[in-house]
Amino acid sequence: MGIYHSTRSRSLAYTAKEAIRRGIAPDGGLFVSDELGDVQVPLDGLADKGYLELAREVLGALLTDYSADEIAACVTEAYEGTFASDEVTPVVALDGSGISSDGAPASVLELWHGPTSAFKDVALQMLPRLMARTSADDEGAAEKIMIVTATSGDTGKAALAGFADAPGCGITVFYPEGKVSRVQELQMSTQEGGNVSVCAVRGNFDDAQSAVKRIFGDAALAGRLAAEGVQLSSANSINVGRLVPQVVYYFAAYAQLLRAGSIAAGDAVEFCVPTGNFGDILAGYYAKRLGLPVAKLIVASDANNVLYDFLTTGTYDRERPFFTTTSPSMDILVSSNLERMLYYLSDGDCELVADLMGKLASEGSYTLPAGLLARIQELFGCGWASEDEVAAAIKDCWDACGYLIDPHTACGYHVMREAPAAEGARARVLLSTASPYKFPRVVAESLGLTCPDDDFACMDVLERATGTCAPAQLAELQEKPVLHDAVVGVDDMGAFVEAAAAKL
């Protein structure tokens, strides 16, 4: 895909490199390409391909203005020796789970073997490499890039790990004060790097994310930064360079199922995805457009079930109570990547997308045309889990399968357990988005274990009770000094970014 434009207008065209460097379109829309699916990834020989080969093939199909040598170098730098598993994202069978009774075997796709123990690593080890191969000359842009990102828990640390001390870049990460786990907070507040700034925000994730979008749309701020040779960009999944690496692991999962004999080439597979911002599951849609046999994509939500309501009624309403749950990375009421899905499933109707997004911003809600909703429902299913159901799912998965899951993955486990496989699905895959040790207290208490007040002591309790091991990079956090302790209100986030940019 060589040409990108906004979901809201085709008036301006950009190359993939320009889209990645910018992060978000000038009109506030997200970058999309009408060439999606023109190049297919063949299923023949898929079982013989490892992750790095698949990554070269998939990214080459999606980012066509990068040379084959550039893609190959990015893949090597991102994935060779940086993940704890040779498969990068290994598939593990869920034997005895009780979610395979209809004959479709269930598996977990473990996405958390990277440096920060969360699925965001897969994309955020890649994005800095892709961005490093853009240049100011690509679009007459500023010499330096300041990455600005709001996180609901995992994106922040993964982005920090990817961009720390990256040449020509700085990174500023905002997270909602008191609304991420203790482990997640320490992962960010202890981050080293001369180009790194981290700040808590008084409010929830949607407050922070909305403010970041306003920062990107602040022409006066952009002018002042440009005068200093700095351009803003994003590491959230609104950046197409963050989204497309996630497409790879859907193909990698399929290849592993083929090697295991769980499916035959051409068999359809259902994927269940715990998601809040809709990026992780949108990557599955991209995989389908590239030729992967996807039976259905199931959205799993927590108590902030705005996506469930949307997919069942066609009305997206963000004016609703916000719940702080045990799955904080899904505590989101405005799912940014949904905009890309609306674009593609409306056959590229920019005017409709712009109208819907305008209504969401001004009125807090919008309702889809009935025909569009029906089309979406053909591919996307949905379900959600209450807090009690999340805890029950963690315990059931351990008792039935001897397999430990975090609360986000537990939302998906519950949804899969409650519903039969999609028609035609020969296998079901649950995307596991984080190590259970990122949420040791939630997991331990769900298993009925008594935990001390300290989360790291909870890790010890969990290890002894289950015979599993915490990733070293999480266990070692308690020894690291806190380097970032700033807290600001939403209205002061722009000034914080400007001060961070001045240090570049």
Protein backbone atom coordinates (compact mmCIF):
# COMPACT_ATOMS: atom_id res chain seq x y z
CA MET A 1 0.00 0.00 0.00
CA GLY A 2 1.76 3.09 -1.23
CA ILE A 3 -0.82 5.87 -0.92
CA TYR A 4 -2.58 6.84 2.32
CA HIS A 5 -5.23 9.44 3.05
CA SER A 6 -7.49 10.41 5.95
CA THR A 7 -10.57 8.40 6.89
CA ARG A 8 -12.43 11.71 6.65
CA SER A 9 -11.18 13.04 3.30
CA ARG A 10 -9.23 12.08 0.20
CA SER A 11 -8.07 15.64 -0.43
CA LEU A 12 -4.47 14.95 0.58
CA ALA A 13 -2.37 11.89 -0.25
CA TYR A 14 0.67 10.59 1.64
CA THR A 15 3.16 7.80 1.26
CA ALA A 16 3.39 5.16 3.99
CA LYS A 17 6.55 6.80 5.31
CA GLU A 18 4.84 10.19 5.48
CA ALA A 19 1.80 8.69 7.21
CA ILE A 20 3.97 6.95 9.80
CA ARG A 21 5.99 10.09 10.43
CA ARG A 22 2.87 12.23 10.87
CA GLY A 23 0.93 9.69 12.95
CA ILE A 24 -2.46 11.35 12.47
CA ALA A 25 -4.03 13.07 9.47
CA PRO A 26 -4.22 16.90 9.48
CA ASP A 27 -8.03 16.83 9.72
CA GLY A 28 -7.97 14.59 12.80
CA GLY A 29 -8.78 11.43 10.84
CA LEU A 30 -6.71 8.26 10.69
CA PHE A 31 -4.57 7.20 7.76
CA VAL A 32 -5.99 4.45 5.53
CA SER A 33 -5.15 3.08 2.11
CA ASP A 34 -7.62 2.04 -0.57
CA GLU A 35 -5.06 -0.52 -1.72
CA LEU A 36 -5.63 -2.74 1.34
CA GLY A 37 -6.00 -6.28 0.06
CA ASP A 38 -4.67 -5.63 -3.45
CA VAL A 39 -1.66 -7.76 -2.50
CA GLN A 40 -2.55 -11.09 -0.89
CA VAL A 41 -0.39 -13.19 1.43
CA PRO A 42 -0.57 -16.74 0.00
CA LEU A 43 -1.48 -19.63 2.30
CA ASP A 44 0.68 -22.05 0.31
CA GLY A 45 3.79 -22.77 2.34
CA LEU A 46 2.59 -20.69 5.29
CA ALA A 47 3.27 -23.52 7.75
CA ASP A 48 6.93 -23.49 6.78
CA LYS A 49 7.45 -19.81 7.56
CA GLY A 50 8.75 -18.48 10.87
CA TYR A 51 7.76 -15.16 12.40
CA LEU A 52 10.52 -13.08 10.84
CA GLU A 53 9.78 -14.35 7.33
CA LEU A 54 6.07 -13.72 7.81
CA ALA A 55 6.78 -10.22 9.13
CA ARG A 56 8.84 -9.40 6.05
CA GLU A 57 6.08 -10.65 3.77
CA VAL A 58 3.12 -8.98 5.55
CA LEU A 59 4.85 -5.64 6.13
CA GLY A 60 6.09 -5.66 2.57
CA ALA A 61 2.48 -5.97 1.38
CA LEU A 62 1.25 -3.17 3.65
CA LEU A 63 4.11 -0.64 3.38
CA THR A 64 5.09 -0.73 -0.26
CA ASP A 65 7.22 2.41 -0.33
CA TYR A 66 9.70 0.78 2.04
CA SER A 67 12.27 -1.25 0.14
CA ALA A 68 12.62 -4.99 0.78
CA ASP A 69 16.00 -4.29 2.39
CA GLU A 70 14.49 -1.65 4.69
CA ILE A 71 11.70 -3.98 5.78
CA ALA A 72 14.16 -6.82 6.36
CA ALA A 73 16.39 -4.62 8.49
CA CYS A 74 13.41 -3.37 10.55
CA VAL A 75 12.24 -6.95 11.17
CA THR A 76 15.67 -8.14 12.24
CA GLU A 77 16.18 -5.22 14.62
CA ALA A 78 12.70 -5.55 16.12
CA TYR A 79 12.41 -9.30 16.62
CA GLU A 80 15.78 -11.03 16.52
CA GLY A 81 16.78 -11.68 20.14
CA THR A 82 14.28 -9.25 21.66
CA PHE A 83 11.51 -11.74 22.54
CA ALA A 84 11.70 -14.60 25.02
CA SER A 85 10.08 -17.07 22.61
CA ASP A 86 11.55 -18.23 19.31
CA GLU A 87 8.02 -18.05 17.90
CA VAL A 88 7.81 -14.39 19.09
CA THR A 89 4.04 -14.91 19.64
CA PRO A 90 3.59 -18.62 20.52
CA VAL A 91 0.28 -20.50 20.34
CA VAL A 92 -0.62 -22.69 23.32
CA ALA A 93 -3.49 -25.22 23.25
CA LEU A 94 -6.15 -24.78 25.95
CA ASP A 95 -6.86 -28.43 26.69
CA GLY A 96 -9.81 -29.09 29.01
CA SER A 97 -11.04 -25.52 28.80
CA GLY A 98 -14.70 -26.26 28.24
CA ILE A 99 -14.71 -23.85 25.27
CA SER A 100 -14.03 -26.55 22.68
CA SER A 101 -17.19 -28.61 23.15
CA ASP A 102 -18.44 -27.82 19.65
CA GLY A 103 -15.43 -29.42 18.03
CA ALA A 104 -13.37 -26.28 17.36
CA PRO A 105 -10.15 -26.60 19.38
CA ALA A 106 -9.24 -23.55 21.46
CA SER A 107 -5.78 -22.04 21.79
CA VAL A 108 -4.16 -18.97 23.28
CA LEU A 109 -1.93 -16.69 21.23
CA GLU A 110 0.61 -15.36 23.73
CA LEU A 111 1.54 -11.83 22.74
CA TRP A 112 3.49 -10.93 25.87
CA HIS A 113 6.98 -12.38 25.46
CA GLY A 114 8.57 -9.02 24.60
CA PRO A 115 10.57 -6.60 26.74
CA THR A 116 7.57 -5.16 28.65
CA SER A 117 5.42 -8.33 28.90
CA ALA A 118 2.50 -6.92 26.89
CA PHE A 119 1.20 -7.29 23.36
CA LYS A 120 2.13 -3.70 22.53
CA ASP A 121 5.77 -4.81 22.30
CA VAL A 122 5.14 -6.56 19.00
CA ALA A 123 4.29 -3.28 17.31
CA LEU A 124 6.37 -0.91 19.40
CA GLN A 125 9.61 -2.75 18.81
CA MET A 126 8.86 -2.21 15.10
CA LEU A 127 7.53 1.37 14.99
CA PRO A 128 10.79 3.14 15.96
CA ARG A 129 12.61 1.18 13.25
CA LEU A 130 10.03 2.15 10.66
CA MET A 131 10.11 5.76 11.78
CA ALA A 132 13.92 5.85 11.71
CA ARG A 133 13.74 5.08 7.99
CA THR A 134 11.60 8.11 7.30
CA SER A 135 13.28 11.46 7.11
CA ALA A 136 12.45 15.13 7.19
CA ASP A 137 13.14 15.13 3.45
CA ASP A 138 10.15 12.82 2.90
CA GLU A 139 7.79 15.73 3.40
CA GLY A 140 9.85 18.80 4.21
CA ALA A 141 9.18 18.06 7.88
CA ALA A 142 11.03 19.05 11.02
CA GLU A 143 14.33 17.39 11.84
CA LYS A 144 13.22 15.86 15.15
CA ILE A 145 10.09 13.94 16.13
CA MET A 146 8.37 14.16 19.49
CA ILE A 147 6.22 11.09 20.08
CA VAL A 148 3.19 11.98 22.22
CA THR A 149 1.07 9.15 23.53
CA ALA A 150 -1.70 8.59 26.05
CA THR A 151 -1.78 5.13 27.57
CA SER A 152 -4.33 3.10 29.49
CA GLY A 153 -1.50 0.95 30.84
CA ASP A 154 0.61 -1.01 28.38
CA THR A 155 1.22 1.20 25.34
CA GLY A 156 3.17 3.70 27.42
CA LYS A 157 5.87 1.36 28.65
CA ALA A 158 6.16 -0.47 25.33
CA ALA A 159 6.56 2.86 23.52
CA LEU A 160 9.09 4.06 26.07
CA ALA A 161 11.09 0.87 25.68
CA GLY A 162 11.03 1.20 21.91
CA PHE A 163 11.88 4.89 21.63
CA ALA A 164 14.23 5.45 24.59
CA ASP A 165 17.36 7.17 23.26
CA ALA A 166 16.25 6.62 19.65
CA PRO A 167 18.16 9.07 17.43
CA GLY A 168 16.15 12.07 16.27
CA CYS A 169 13.21 11.29 18.56
CA GLY A 170 11.80 12.22 21.92
CA ILE A 171 8.85 10.60 23.65
CA THR A 172 6.23 11.92 26.06
CA VAL A 173 3.80 9.49 27.68
CA PHE A 174 0.70 10.42 29.67
CA TYR A 175 -1.21 7.95 31.83
CA PRO A 176 -4.31 8.37 34.05
CA GLU A 177 -3.25 8.91 37.67
CA GLY A 178 -4.26 5.99 39.90
CA LYS A 179 -5.90 4.06 37.05
CA VAL A 180 -3.11 1.72 35.97
CA SER A 181 -1.72 -1.20 37.95
CA ARG A 182 1.20 -0.64 40.31
CA VAL A 183 3.44 -2.71 38.06
CA GLN A 184 2.38 -0.73 34.98
CA GLU A 185 3.03 2.56 36.76
CA LEU A 186 6.49 1.51 37.88
CA GLN A 187 7.35 0.32 34.39
CA MET A 188 6.81 3.88 33.18
CA SER A 189 8.02 5.92 36.13
CA THR A 190 11.38 4.10 36.27
CA GLN A 191 12.07 4.38 32.53
CA GLU A 192 15.59 5.54 31.67
CA GLY A 193 16.53 7.57 28.61
CA GLY A 194 17.65 11.11 27.90
CA ASN A 195 14.75 11.71 25.50
CA VAL A 196 12.01 10.37 27.79
CA SER A 197 9.25 12.25 29.63
CA VAL A 198 6.44 10.57 31.62
CA CYS A 199 3.53 12.27 33.34
CA ALA A 200 0.39 11.22 35.23
CA VAL A 201 -2.84 13.02 34.33
CA ARG A 202 -5.70 13.87 36.68
CA GLY A 203 -8.54 12.09 34.92
CA ASN A 204 -9.20 8.86 33.05
CA PHE A 205 -7.68 7.50 29.85
CA ASP A 206 -10.31 9.06 27.60
CA ASP A 207 -9.56 12.47 29.14
CA ALA A 208 -5.86 11.99 28.39
CA GLN A 209 -6.42 10.60 24.89
CA SER A 210 -8.80 13.41 23.95
CA ALA A 211 -6.28 15.97 25.17
CA VAL A 212 -3.53 14.35 23.10
CA LYS A 213 -5.74 14.61 20.01
CA ARG A 214 -6.28 18.31 20.80
CA ILE A 215 -2.51 18.74 21.14
CA PHE A 216 -2.06 17.28 17.66
CA GLY A 217 -4.65 19.73 16.34
CA ASP A 218 -3.13 22.80 18.06
CA ALA A 219 -1.76 24.84 15.14
CA ALA A 220 -0.12 27.43 17.40
CA LEU A 221 1.76 24.73 19.33
CA ALA A 222 2.78 23.06 16.07
CA GLY A 223 4.15 26.38 14.82
CA ARG A 224 6.22 26.95 17.96
CA LEU A 225 7.60 23.41 17.83
CA ALA A 226 8.36 23.70 14.11
CA ALA A 227 10.40 26.81 14.84
CA GLU A 228 12.51 24.62 17.12
CA GLY A 229 12.80 21.90 14.47
CA VAL A 230 10.34 19.51 16.17
CA GLN A 231 7.29 17.69 14.74
CA LEU A 232 4.72 15.75 16.76
CA SER A 233 3.84 12.14 16.00
CA SER A 234 2.04 9.31 17.77
CA ALA A 235 2.87 5.80 19.00
CA ASN A 236 -0.75 4.89 19.70
CA SER A 237 -2.46 2.49 17.34
CA ILE A 238 -3.84 5.53 15.52
CA ASN A 239 -0.39 5.50 13.86
CA VAL A 240 -0.52 3.14 10.90
CA GLY A 241 3.07 2.11 11.64
CA ARG A 242 1.88 0.84 15.00
CA LEU A 243 -1.13 -0.96 13.55
CA VAL A 244 0.34 -2.91 10.65
CA PRO A 245 2.95 -4.93 12.63
CA GLN A 246 0.06 -6.41 14.61
CA VAL A 247 -1.33 -7.99 11.42
CA VAL A 248 1.67 -10.34 11.38
CA TYR A 249 0.75 -12.34 14.46
CA TYR A 250 -2.60 -13.38 13.02
CA PHE A 251 -0.71 -15.05 10.18
CA ALA A 252 1.83 -16.44 12.66
CA ALA A 253 -0.98 -17.99 14.72
CA TYR A 254 -2.46 -19.60 11.61
CA ALA A 255 0.96 -20.98 10.61
CA GLN A 256 1.45 -22.52 14.06
CA LEU A 257 -2.01 -24.12 13.95
CA LEU A 258 -1.10 -25.61 10.58
CA ARG A 259 2.16 -27.00 11.96
CA ALA A 260 0.33 -28.48 14.95
CA GLY A 261 -2.19 -30.20 12.69
CA SER A 262 -5.07 -28.31 14.33
CA ILE A 263 -6.29 -27.01 10.96
CA ALA A 264 -5.68 -27.56 7.27
CA ALA A 265 -4.78 -24.80 4.82
CA GLY A 266 -7.91 -22.86 3.97
CA ASP A 267 -9.77 -23.69 7.19
CA ALA A 268 -11.43 -20.68 8.82
CA VAL A 269 -10.35 -19.60 12.31
CA GLU A 270 -12.20 -17.48 14.87
CA PHE A 271 -10.18 -14.94 16.85
CA CYS A 272 -11.38 -13.55 20.19
CA VAL A 273 -9.64 -10.29 21.11
CA PRO A 274 -9.77 -8.38 24.42
CA THR A 275 -9.75 -4.78 23.20
CA GLY A 276 -10.54 -1.26 24.26
CA ASN A 277 -9.13 0.97 21.52
CA PHE A 278 -10.02 -1.49 18.71
CA GLY A 279 -6.49 -1.59 17.26
CA ASP A 280 -5.62 -5.18 18.15
CA ILE A 281 -8.78 -6.57 16.58
CA LEU A 282 -8.63 -4.22 13.59
CA ALA A 283 -5.31 -5.86 12.74
CA GLY A 284 -7.29 -9.11 12.40
CA TYR A 285 -9.55 -7.40 9.87
CA TYR A 286 -6.48 -6.30 7.92
CA ALA A 287 -5.26 -9.91 7.99
CA LYS A 288 -8.58 -11.05 6.54
CA ARG A 289 -8.27 -8.47 3.76
CA LEU A 290 -4.81 -9.88 3.02
CA GLY A 291 -6.27 -13.35 2.53
CA LEU A 292 -6.24 -14.99 5.98
CA PRO A 293 -9.33 -17.26 6.43
CA VAL A 294 -10.99 -15.48 9.37
CA ALA A 295 -14.38 -16.90 10.35
CA LYS A 296 -15.21 -14.15 12.82
CA LEU A 297 -13.52 -11.52 14.99
CA ILE A 298 -14.96 -11.44 18.52
CA VAL A 299 -14.63 -8.24 20.54
CA ALA A 300 -14.24 -8.97 24.27
CA SER A 301 -14.91 -6.03 26.60
CA ASP A 302 -14.82 -5.46 30.33
CA ALA A 303 -17.45 -3.50 32.29
CA ASN A 304 -16.71 -0.48 30.07
CA ASN A 305 -18.69 -2.27 27.38
CA VAL A 306 -19.23 0.58 24.93
CA LEU A 307 -18.08 -1.63 22.03
CA TYR A 308 -20.51 -4.39 23.01
CA ASP A 309 -23.41 -1.94 23.03
CA PHE A 310 -22.27 -0.46 19.72
CA LEU A 311 -21.94 -3.81 17.97
CA THR A 312 -25.35 -4.98 19.20
CA THR A 313 -27.36 -1.76 18.71
CA GLY A 314 -25.46 0.33 16.16
CA THR A 315 -25.35 3.31 18.53
CA TYR A 316 -22.00 4.46 19.86
CA ASP A 317 -22.57 6.44 23.07
CA ARG A 318 -19.61 7.64 25.08
CA GLU A 319 -21.82 9.55 27.53
CA ARG A 320 -21.96 6.73 30.05
CA PRO A 321 -20.47 5.83 33.44
CA PHE A 322 -16.75 5.07 33.44
CA PHE A 323 -15.62 2.09 35.51
CA THR A 324 -12.14 1.53 36.88
CA THR A 325 -11.70 -2.22 36.50
CA THR A 326 -9.07 -4.89 37.03
CA SER A 327 -8.39 -4.76 33.28
CA PRO A 328 -7.23 -1.11 33.04
CA SER A 329 -5.87 -1.28 29.48
CA MET A 330 -9.47 -1.82 28.32
CA ASP A 331 -11.00 0.96 30.42
CA ILE A 332 -11.76 3.08 27.38
CA LEU A 333 -14.96 4.74 26.21
CA VAL A 334 -13.69 6.22 22.92
CA SER A 335 -12.25 3.50 20.68
CA SER A 336 -10.17 5.44 18.20
CA ASN A 337 -9.43 2.66 15.70
CA LEU A 338 -13.13 2.00 15.18
CA GLU A 339 -12.95 4.88 12.72
CA ARG A 340 -10.80 2.82 10.33
CA MET A 341 -13.25 -0.08 10.48
CA LEU A 342 -16.14 2.27 9.71
CA TYR A 343 -14.24 3.60 6.71
CA TYR A 344 -13.57 0.19 5.20
CA LEU A 345 -16.96 -1.38 5.89
CA SER A 346 -18.78 1.67 4.50
CA ASP A 347 -16.81 1.15 1.27
CA GLY A 348 -14.67 4.20 1.88
CA ASP A 349 -17.43 6.71 2.61
CA CYS A 350 -15.33 9.60 3.94
CA GLU A 351 -18.31 11.92 4.27
CA LEU A 352 -20.17 9.41 6.44
CA VAL A 353 -17.13 8.81 8.64
CA ALA A 354 -16.50 12.54 9.06
CA ASP A 355 -20.17 13.06 9.96
CA LEU A 356 -20.17 10.24 12.53
CA MET A 357 -16.93 11.43 14.14
CA GLY A 358 -18.27 14.98 14.22
CA LYS A 359 -21.39 13.80 16.03
CA LEU A 360 -19.31 11.81 18.51
CA ALA A 361 -17.25 14.91 19.29
CA SER A 362 -20.14 17.38 19.51
CA GLU A 363 -23.03 15.22 20.77
CA GLY A 364 -21.24 12.29 22.41
CA SER A 365 -22.93 9.64 20.27
CA TYR A 366 -23.88 8.53 16.79
CA THR A 367 -26.04 5.81 15.21
CA LEU A 368 -25.07 3.76 12.16
CA PRO A 369 -27.28 3.22 9.12
CA ALA A 370 -28.93 -0.21 9.52
CA GLY A 371 -27.24 -1.65 6.44
CA LEU A 372 -23.78 -0.76 7.69
CA LEU A 373 -24.49 -2.28 11.11
CA ALA A 374 -25.62 -5.53 9.49
CA ARG A 375 -22.43 -5.66 7.44
CA ILE A 376 -20.29 -5.11 10.53
CA GLN A 377 -22.15 -7.82 12.46
CA GLU A 378 -21.41 -10.36 9.74
CA LEU A 379 -17.72 -10.22 10.68
CA PHE A 380 -17.55 -8.86 14.23
CA GLY A 381 -19.11 -10.59 17.22
CA CYS A 382 -18.95 -9.35 20.80
CA GLY A 383 -19.33 -10.10 24.48
CA TRP A 384 -18.25 -8.66 27.82
CA ALA A 385 -17.33 -9.72 31.32
CA SER A 386 -18.20 -8.19 34.68
CA GLU A 387 -15.56 -7.99 37.40
CA ASP A 388 -16.92 -11.14 39.06
CA GLU A 389 -16.86 -12.94 35.72
CA VAL A 390 -13.26 -11.89 35.10
CA ALA A 391 -12.18 -13.33 38.44
CA ALA A 392 -14.16 -16.53 37.78
CA ALA A 393 -12.57 -16.88 34.35
CA ILE A 394 -9.05 -16.60 35.78
CA LYS A 395 -9.85 -19.35 38.28
CA ASP A 396 -11.66 -21.56 35.76
CA CYS A 397 -8.82 -21.36 33.25
CA TRP A 398 -6.32 -22.35 35.92
CA ASP A 399 -8.47 -25.13 37.40
CA ALA A 400 -9.53 -26.59 34.03
CA CYS A 401 -6.39 -26.06 31.96
CA GLY A 402 -3.55 -25.37 34.39
CA TYR A 403 -3.05 -22.14 32.45
CA LEU A 404 -2.60 -18.72 34.06
CA ILE A 405 -4.20 -15.66 32.45
CA ASP A 406 -4.30 -11.95 33.22
CA PRO A 407 -7.60 -10.06 33.67
CA HIS A 408 -7.69 -8.74 30.10
CA THR A 409 -7.25 -12.21 28.64
CA ALA A 410 -9.86 -13.40 31.16
CA CYS A 411 -12.46 -11.14 29.52
CA GLY A 412 -11.86 -13.01 26.28
CA TYR A 413 -11.87 -16.40 27.99
CA HIS A 414 -15.26 -15.64 29.53
CA VAL A 415 -16.70 -14.48 26.20
CA MET A 416 -15.44 -17.60 24.39
CA ARG A 417 -16.79 -19.86 27.12
CA GLU A 418 -20.24 -18.29 26.91
CA ALA A 419 -20.72 -18.59 23.15
CA PRO A 420 -20.23 -21.39 20.60
CA ALA A 421 -17.70 -21.03 17.82
CA ALA A 422 -18.67 -19.04 14.76
CA GLU A 423 -20.20 -21.00 11.90
CA GLY A 424 -17.46 -22.57 9.80
CA ALA A 425 -14.68 -21.99 12.35
CA ARG A 426 -12.37 -25.00 12.63
CA ALA A 427 -10.35 -23.48 15.49
CA ARG A 428 -10.70 -20.70 18.05
CA VAL A 429 -7.82 -18.49 19.11
CA LEU A 430 -7.86 -16.22 22.17
CA LEU A 431 -5.37 -13.37 22.03
CA SER A 432 -3.59 -13.10 25.39
CA THR A 433 -2.51 -9.50 25.72
CA ALA A 434 -0.41 -9.37 28.90
CA SER A 435 1.54 -11.53 31.30
CA PRO A 436 -0.50 -12.45 34.39
CA TYR A 437 2.39 -11.08 36.42
CA LYS A 438 1.58 -7.54 35.34
CA PHE A 439 -1.52 -7.93 37.53
CA PRO A 440 -0.32 -10.31 40.27
CA ARG A 441 -2.79 -9.22 42.95
CA VAL A 442 -5.85 -9.60 40.72
CA VAL A 443 -4.71 -13.01 39.49
CA ALA A 444 -3.70 -14.32 42.91
CA GLU A 445 -6.90 -13.17 44.61
CA SER A 446 -8.96 -14.69 41.78
CA LEU A 447 -7.30 -18.02 42.60
CA GLY A 448 -8.26 -17.62 46.26
CA LEU A 449 -4.73 -16.86 47.43
CA THR A 450 -4.03 -14.49 50.30
CA CYS A 451 -1.75 -11.66 49.21
CA PRO A 452 0.37 -9.18 51.16
CA ASP A 453 -0.08 -5.46 50.51
CA ASP A 454 2.96 -5.31 48.24
CA ASP A 455 2.41 -6.32 44.59
CA PHE A 456 5.88 -7.81 44.33
CA ALA A 457 5.23 -10.01 47.34
CA CYS A 458 2.06 -11.05 45.45
CA MET A 459 4.28 -12.18 42.60
CA ASP A 460 6.13 -14.46 45.02
CA VAL A 461 2.85 -15.90 46.32
CA LEU A 462 1.65 -16.55 42.78
CA GLU A 463 4.91 -18.20 41.76
CA ARG A 464 4.88 -20.57 44.74
CA ALA A 465 1.21 -21.50 44.31
CA THR A 466 1.31 -22.13 40.56
CA GLY A 467 4.87 -23.17 39.81
CA THR A 468 5.09 -20.43 37.17
CA CYS A 469 7.70 -17.66 37.02
CA ALA A 470 7.38 -13.91 36.78
CA PRO A 471 9.26 -12.33 33.85
CA ALA A 472 12.55 -10.96 35.14
CA GLN A 473 11.88 -7.46 33.82
CA LEU A 474 8.77 -7.26 36.03
CA ALA A 475 10.23 -8.81 39.17
CA GLU A 476 13.19 -6.41 39.05
CA LEU A 477 11.05 -3.26 38.96
CA GLN A 478 10.91 -2.93 42.74
CA GLU A 479 14.65 -2.26 42.82
CA LYS A 480 14.59 0.55 40.26
CA PRO A 481 14.46 4.24 41.27
CA VAL A 482 11.47 6.36 40.26
CA LEU A 483 12.67 8.89 37.68
CA HIS A 484 9.34 10.48 36.67
CA ASP A 485 6.80 11.76 39.20
CA ALA A 486 5.09 14.69 37.44
CA VAL A 487 1.29 15.02 37.64
CA VAL A 488 -0.70 17.57 35.61
CA GLY A 489 -4.27 18.46 34.85
CA VAL A 490 -5.66 17.85 31.38
CA ASP A 491 -5.35 21.53 30.46
CA ASP A 492 -1.62 21.54 31.22
CA MET A 493 -0.66 18.59 29.01
CA GLY A 494 0.24 20.79 26.04
CA ALA A 495 2.65 22.85 28.12
CA PHE A 496 4.24 19.63 29.42
CA VAL A 497 4.81 18.43 25.84
CA GLU A 498 6.34 21.77 24.86
CA ALA A 499 8.71 21.66 27.83
CA ALA A 500 9.69 18.09 26.97
CA ALA A 501 10.35 19.08 23.34
CA ALA A 502 12.61 21.90 24.50
CA LYS A 503 14.97 19.28 25.97
CA LEU A 504 15.53 17.52 22.65
